[in-house]
Each structure stands twice: as C-alpha cells, then as structure tokens.
C-alpha atoms as a PDB file:
ATOM      1  CA  MET A   1     -52.616-121.053  19.157  1.00  0.00           C
ATOM      2  CA  ASN A   2     -56.328-120.418  18.831  1.00  0.00           C
ATOM      3  CA  ASN A   3     -58.779-123.021  20.027  1.00  0.00           C
ATOM      4  CA  GLU A   4     -59.788-125.213  17.068  1.00  0.00           C
ATOM      5  CA  LYS A   5     -63.099-126.279  18.617  1.00  0.00           C
ATOM      6  CA  ASN A   6     -65.845-125.956  16.014  1.00  0.00           C
ATOM      7  CA  ASP A   7     -68.917-124.704  17.786  1.00  0.00           C
ATOM      8  CA  GLY A   8     -71.689-122.257  17.024  1.00  0.00           C
ATOM      9  CA  ALA A   9     -70.498-119.709  19.575  1.00  0.00           C
ATOM     10  CA  GLY A  10     -67.131-119.407  17.833  1.00  0.00           C
ATOM     11  CA  LEU A  11     -68.886-118.859  14.515  1.00  0.00           C
ATOM     12  CA  LEU A  12     -71.030-116.084  15.958  1.00  0.00           C
ATOM     13  CA  LYS A  13     -67.982-114.363  17.441  1.00  0.00           C
ATOM     14  CA  GLY A  14     -66.173-114.392  14.094  1.00  0.00           C
ATOM     15  CA  LYS A  15     -62.881-115.617  15.551  1.00  0.00           C
ATOM     16  CA  LYS A  16     -61.808-117.255  12.275  1.00  0.00           C
ATOM     17  CA  GLY A  17     -62.702-114.356  10.009  1.00  0.00           C
ATOM     18  CA  GLU A  18     -66.346-115.185   9.329  1.00  0.00           C
ATOM     19  CA  TYR A  19     -67.290-111.505   9.165  1.00  0.00           C
ATOM     20  CA  LEU A  20     -64.526-110.872   6.661  1.00  0.00           C
ATOM     21  CA  VAL A  21     -66.032-113.496   4.358  1.00  0.00           C
ATOM     22  CA  VAL A  22     -69.453-111.845   4.609  1.00  0.00           C
ATOM     23  CA  LEU A  23     -67.893-108.432   3.886  1.00  0.00           C
ATOM     24  CA  GLN A  24     -66.018-109.889   0.917  1.00  0.00           C
ATOM     25  CA  PHE A  25     -69.212-111.284  -0.626  1.00  0.00           C
ATOM     26  CA  LEU A  26     -71.002-107.975  -0.024  1.00  0.00           C
ATOM     27  CA  LEU A  27     -68.142-106.087  -1.669  1.00  0.00           C
ATOM     28  CA  VAL A  28     -68.227-108.367  -4.723  1.00  0.00           C
ATOM     29  CA  LEU A  29     -72.020-108.008  -4.932  1.00  0.00           C
ATOM     30  CA  LEU A  30     -71.733-104.229  -4.630  1.00  0.00           C
ATOM     31  CA  PHE A  31     -69.124-104.177  -7.405  1.00  0.00           C
ATOM     32  CA  ILE A  32     -71.446-106.185  -9.686  1.00  0.00           C
ATOM     33  CA  LEU A  33     -74.561-104.115  -8.929  1.00  0.00           C
ATOM     34  CA  THR A  34     -72.983-100.648  -8.973  1.00  0.00           C
ATOM     35  CA  PRO A  35     -73.808 -98.684 -12.104  1.00  0.00           C
ATOM     36  CA  ARG A  36     -71.022 -97.236 -14.216  1.00  0.00           C
ATOM     37  CA  TRP A  37     -70.256 -93.624 -13.402  1.00  0.00           C
ATOM     38  CA  ASN A  38     -68.205 -91.657 -15.918  1.00  0.00           C
ATOM     39  CA  PRO A  39     -68.510 -87.960 -15.018  1.00  0.00           C
ATOM     40  CA  LEU A  40     -65.223 -87.189 -16.764  1.00  0.00           C
ATOM     41  CA  TRP A  41     -66.064 -89.196 -19.871  1.00  0.00           C
ATOM     42  CA  ILE A  42     -63.765 -88.144 -22.704  1.00  0.00           C
ATOM     43  CA  THR A  43     -65.093 -88.691 -26.216  1.00  0.00           C
ATOM     44  CA  THR A  44     -61.649 -89.776 -27.419  1.00  0.00           C
ATOM     45  CA  ALA A  45     -61.833 -92.738 -25.015  1.00  0.00           C
ATOM     46  CA  GLU A  46     -63.875 -94.526 -27.684  1.00  0.00           C
ATOM     47  CA  SER A  47     -60.759 -94.625 -29.840  1.00  0.00           C
ATOM     48  CA  PHE A  48     -59.104 -96.661 -27.091  1.00  0.00           C
ATOM     49  CA  GLN A  49     -61.928 -99.200 -26.918  1.00  0.00           C
ATOM     50  CA  LEU A  50     -59.841-101.990 -28.482  1.00  0.00           C
ATOM     51  CA  LEU A  51     -57.012-101.395 -26.003  1.00  0.00           C
ATOM     52  CA  ARG A  52     -59.502-101.362 -23.126  1.00  0.00           C
ATOM     53  CA  MET A  53     -61.008-104.638 -24.377  1.00  0.00           C
ATOM     54  CA  ILE A  54     -57.538-106.224 -24.593  1.00  0.00           C
ATOM     55  CA  ILE A  55     -56.766-105.126 -21.023  1.00  0.00           C
ATOM     56  CA  LEU A  56     -60.088-106.586 -19.836  1.00  0.00           C
ATOM     57  CA  LEU A  57     -59.428-109.886 -21.612  1.00  0.00           C
ATOM     58  CA  CYS A  58     -55.851-110.133 -20.293  1.00  0.00           C
ATOM     59  CA  CYS A  59     -56.953-109.328 -16.748  1.00  0.00           C
ATOM     60  CA  GLY A  60     -59.807-111.818 -17.079  1.00  0.00           C
ATOM     61  CA  MET A  61     -57.408-114.560 -18.191  1.00  0.00           C
ATOM     62  CA  VAL A  62     -55.037-113.803 -15.299  1.00  0.00           C
ATOM     63  CA  ALA A  63     -57.986-113.793 -12.892  1.00  0.00           C
ATOM     64  CA  LEU A  64     -59.248-117.105 -14.237  1.00  0.00           C
ATOM     65  CA  LEU A  65     -55.791-118.697 -14.064  1.00  0.00           C
ATOM     66  CA  PHE A  66     -55.032-117.391 -10.573  1.00  0.00           C
ATOM     67  CA  GLY A  67     -58.459-118.433  -9.282  1.00  0.00           C
ATOM     68  CA  ALA A  68     -58.402-121.890 -10.877  1.00  0.00           C
ATOM     69  CA  LEU A  69     -54.770-122.682 -10.083  1.00  0.00           C
ATOM     70  CA  GLY A  70     -55.024-121.251  -6.568  1.00  0.00           C
ATOM     71  CA  SER A  71     -58.093-123.376  -5.873  1.00  0.00           C
ATOM     72  CA  HIS A  72     -56.400-126.431  -7.371  1.00  0.00           C
ATOM     73  CA  ASN A  73     -53.189-125.939  -5.361  1.00  0.00           C
ATOM     74  CA  LEU A  74     -55.208-125.518  -2.155  1.00  0.00           C
ATOM     75  CA  ARG A  75     -57.745-128.235  -2.953  1.00  0.00           C
ATOM     76  CA  ASN A  76     -57.103-130.180   0.278  1.00  0.00           C
ATOM     77  CA  TYR A  77     -56.962-127.098   2.505  1.00  0.00           C
ATOM     78  CA  ILE A  78     -59.339-124.625   0.878  1.00  0.00           C
ATOM     79  CA  THR A  79     -61.790-122.792   3.089  1.00  0.00           C
ATOM     80  CA  PRO A  80     -63.721-119.562   2.617  1.00  0.00           C
ATOM     81  CA  LEU A  81     -62.358-118.396   5.956  1.00  0.00           C
ATOM     82  CA  PRO A  82     -58.988-116.680   6.261  1.00  0.00           C
ATOM     83  CA  TYR A  83     -58.236-118.927   9.252  1.00  0.00           C
ATOM     84  CA  PRO A  84     -56.331-121.997   8.013  1.00  0.00           C
ATOM     85  CA  VAL A  85     -57.891-125.425   8.453  1.00  0.00           C
ATOM     86  CA  ALA A  86     -56.340-127.618  11.146  1.00  0.00           C
ATOM     87  CA  HIS A  87     -54.749-130.105   8.710  1.00  0.00           C
ATOM     88  CA  ASN A  88     -53.285-127.518   6.328  1.00  0.00           C
ATOM     89  CA  LYS A  89     -49.775-127.561   4.938  1.00  0.00           C
ATOM     90  CA  LEU A  90     -47.998-124.482   3.637  1.00  0.00           C
ATOM     91  CA  VAL A  91     -48.367-124.330  -0.157  1.00  0.00           C
ATOM     92  CA  THR A  92     -45.582-122.390  -1.885  1.00  0.00           C
ATOM     93  CA  THR A  93     -45.534-124.024  -5.312  1.00  0.00           C
ATOM     94  CA  GLY A  94     -47.547-123.509  -8.483  1.00  0.00           C
ATOM     95  CA  VAL A  95     -49.310-120.158  -8.600  1.00  0.00           C
ATOM     96  CA  PHE A  96     -48.295-119.671  -4.953  1.00  0.00           C
ATOM     97  CA  SER A  97     -44.722-119.207  -6.170  1.00  0.00           C
ATOM     98  CA  LEU A  98     -45.950-116.073  -8.011  1.00  0.00           C
ATOM     99  CA  VAL A  99     -48.281-114.542  -5.394  1.00  0.00           C
ATOM    100  CA  ARG A 100     -49.173-115.428  -1.834  1.00  0.00           C
ATOM    101  CA  HIS A 101     -52.916-114.815  -2.293  1.00  0.00           C
ATOM    102  CA  PRO A 102     -53.944-115.839  -5.813  1.00  0.00           C
ATOM    103  CA  LEU A 103     -57.645-116.091  -4.938  1.00  0.00           C
ATOM    104  CA  TYR A 104     -57.698-112.474  -3.740  1.00  0.00           C
ATOM    105  CA  SER A 105     -55.523-111.453  -6.688  1.00  0.00           C
ATOM    106  CA  SER A 106     -57.979-113.002  -9.126  1.00  0.00           C
ATOM    107  CA  GLN A 107     -60.756-110.750  -7.852  1.00  0.00           C
ATOM    108  CA  LEU A 108     -58.538-107.678  -7.963  1.00  0.00           C
ATOM    109  CA  PHE A 109     -57.345-108.437 -11.506  1.00  0.00           C
ATOM    110  CA  ILE A 110     -60.856-108.851 -12.911  1.00  0.00           C
ATOM    111  CA  GLY A 111     -61.934-105.698 -11.067  1.00  0.00           C
ATOM    112  CA  PHE A 112     -59.009-103.781 -12.570  1.00  0.00           C
ATOM    113  CA  GLY A 113     -59.863-105.062 -16.033  1.00  0.00           C
ATOM    114  CA  TRP A 114     -63.471-103.955 -15.627  1.00  0.00           C
ATOM    115  CA  VAL A 115     -62.392-100.494 -14.417  1.00  0.00           C
ATOM    116  CA  CYS A 116     -60.098-100.097 -17.431  1.00  0.00           C
ATOM    117  CA  TYR A 117     -62.786-101.262 -19.832  1.00  0.00           C
ATOM    118  CA  THR A 118     -65.654 -99.153 -18.458  1.00  0.00           C
ATOM    119  CA  LEU A 119     -63.613 -96.161 -17.222  1.00  0.00           C
ATOM    120  CA  SER A 120     -66.085 -96.107 -14.333  1.00  0.00           C
ATOM    121  CA  LEU A 121     -65.055 -93.967 -11.385  1.00  0.00           C
ATOM    122  CA  SER A 122     -67.600 -95.703  -9.138  1.00  0.00           C
ATOM    123  CA  HIS A 123     -65.926 -99.049  -9.885  1.00  0.00           C
ATOM    124  CA  LEU A 124     -62.466 -97.543  -9.429  1.00  0.00           C
ATOM    125  CA  LEU A 125     -63.504 -96.415  -5.953  1.00  0.00           C
ATOM    126  CA  LEU A 126     -64.818 -99.901  -5.179  1.00  0.00           C
ATOM    127  CA  LEU A 127     -61.612-101.473  -6.545  1.00  0.00           C
ATOM    128  CA  ILE A 128     -59.520 -99.295  -4.226  1.00  0.00           C
ATOM    129  CA  THR A 129     -61.802-100.312  -1.343  1.00  0.00           C
ATOM    130  CA  ALA A 130     -61.422-103.981  -2.333  1.00  0.00           C
ATOM    131  CA  PHE A 131     -57.637-103.636  -2.477  1.00  0.00           C
ATOM    132  CA  LEU A 132     -57.570-102.185   1.052  1.00  0.00           C
ATOM    133  CA  PHE A 133     -59.999-104.849   2.265  1.00  0.00           C
ATOM    134  CA  PHE A 134     -57.988-107.730   0.775  1.00  0.00           C
ATOM    135  CA  SER A 135     -54.769-106.264   2.207  1.00  0.00           C
ATOM    136  CA  PHE A 136     -56.377-106.249   5.648  1.00  0.00           C
ATOM    137  CA  LYS A 137     -57.838-109.755   5.249  1.00  0.00           C
ATOM    138  CA  ALA A 138     -54.535-111.133   3.918  1.00  0.00           C
ATOM    139  CA  GLY A 139     -52.713-109.580   6.882  1.00  0.00           C
ATOM    140  CA  LYS A 140     -54.929-111.449   9.352  1.00  0.00           C
ATOM    141  CA  GLU A 141     -54.528-114.663   7.372  1.00  0.00           C
ATOM    142  CA  GLU A 142     -50.753-114.250   7.256  1.00  0.00           C
ATOM    143  CA  ARG A 143     -50.527-113.794  11.030  1.00  0.00           C
ATOM    144  CA  TRP A 144     -52.397-117.073  11.507  1.00  0.00           C
ATOM    145  CA  LEU A 145     -50.255-118.827   8.881  1.00  0.00           C
ATOM    146  CA  THR A 146     -47.060-117.566  10.536  1.00  0.00           C
ATOM    147  CA  GLU A 147     -48.235-118.956  13.895  1.00  0.00           C
ATOM    148  CA  ARG A 148     -48.797-122.341  12.295  1.00  0.00           C
ATOM    149  CA  HIS A 149     -45.867-122.274   9.835  1.00  0.00           C
ATOM    150  CA  PRO A 150     -42.830-120.295  11.058  1.00  0.00           C
ATOM    151  CA  GLU A 151     -41.300-120.650   7.557  1.00  0.00           C
ATOM    152  CA  TYR A 152     -44.125-118.464   6.208  1.00  0.00           C
ATOM    153  CA  LYS A 153     -42.144-115.344   7.108  1.00  0.00           C
ATOM    154  CA  GLU A 154     -39.315-116.339   4.742  1.00  0.00           C
ATOM    155  CA  TYR A 155     -41.835-117.227   2.015  1.00  0.00           C
ATOM    156  CA  ALA A 156     -43.542-113.842   2.424  1.00  0.00           C
ATOM    157  CA  GLY A 157     -40.172-112.152   2.078  1.00  0.00           C
ATOM    158  CA  ARG A 158     -39.576-113.601  -1.387  1.00  0.00           C
ATOM    159  CA  VAL A 159     -43.094-113.834  -2.909  1.00  0.00           C
ATOM    160  CA  LYS A 160     -45.294-110.779  -3.452  1.00  0.00           C
ATOM    161  CA  LYS A 161     -48.785-110.564  -1.967  1.00  0.00           C
ATOM    162  CA  PHE A 162     -51.086-109.876  -4.962  1.00  0.00           C
ATOM    163  CA  ILE A 163     -49.173-108.838  -8.093  1.00  0.00           C
ATOM    164  CA  PRO A 164     -46.241-110.994  -9.265  1.00  0.00           C
ATOM    165  CA  TRP A 165     -42.858-109.293  -8.786  1.00  0.00           C
ATOM    166  CA  MET A 166     -44.535-105.988  -7.813  1.00  0.00           C
ATOM    167  CA  TYR A 167     -46.772-106.062  -4.737  1.00  0.00           C
END
C-alpha cells in the first residue's frame, strides 16, 4: 500500500492524484468559459426549445441530487483527491447503490443537459473530453479503493460507474 505520510514532497509529486484535481477544475472552468458554437444550427431546433429546457432541468436535478447525496454519503471521508483518506470505509448505500461515482456523474449530467439545451458542438467536445477524463480518474481511484477494500471488486461488478443501470 502507498505510504500515507503527508508531506510537501508527496504533494508536489502528485502521488494521490493532485494533478488530476487541478485538471478537473481546469476542465470545468473551460466548460464554463467556452462560447457556444453551433455551426450546424438548424432553424427548426427552436421548435424543440421546450424539450431542450426540460432535458436541462431534469439533468440539473439529477446532478444536484447526485452531488448533494454523494457528498452527504461521503461526509466523513470526502476529499478532493481520488486517493482515499486513511480512515475511509467503503460506502455502497444511498446514491452509491445507483452509481459508484456520483460526484463525477453530477458534473457529467449537468454538462449533458447544457449540451442538449445549447446544441453547442464546442461543449459537446468538452463533454466527451470530460467523460474520458472522469473515466481515467475513476479508474485510478478504483484501483486504490480495491487495494484498501477487496470487496470493491464485487461492488463494481453490480453497480455502474456513472449512469444508473447503463454505464
């Protein structure tokens, strides 16, 4: 198991996923600051504005629930780093019985809602990038969780990563 010593040198080396956290914040900031790009804008898309708004609202509610419930369920073990804290216990109840990474899912759901609402290809590209990034980050986190909690493998076999019952 990795050395749990908390020193500045370990932080600078990024052994607990520090660089992944920085990249995640940069990706979120980039998503927020990127202008909408609709080169294939179809005029009939305006007729679907209500549907797009409903999708955005539904995705926003799922994102809010997953983020709030995930944070609540992890309240004693939450960390911005993908590396689990030393005193953590495996949480498999609550929202964690629906997805293994509800905090990542919340960001992907709100991003998907925004893409559907704006029909922005620039945001779609960033959402795909975010999905790949979160898959990579979750993979590292899951390796560390499996080292610490051998039962994680069975849990991962029955609960999807980001989207309930799908993926």
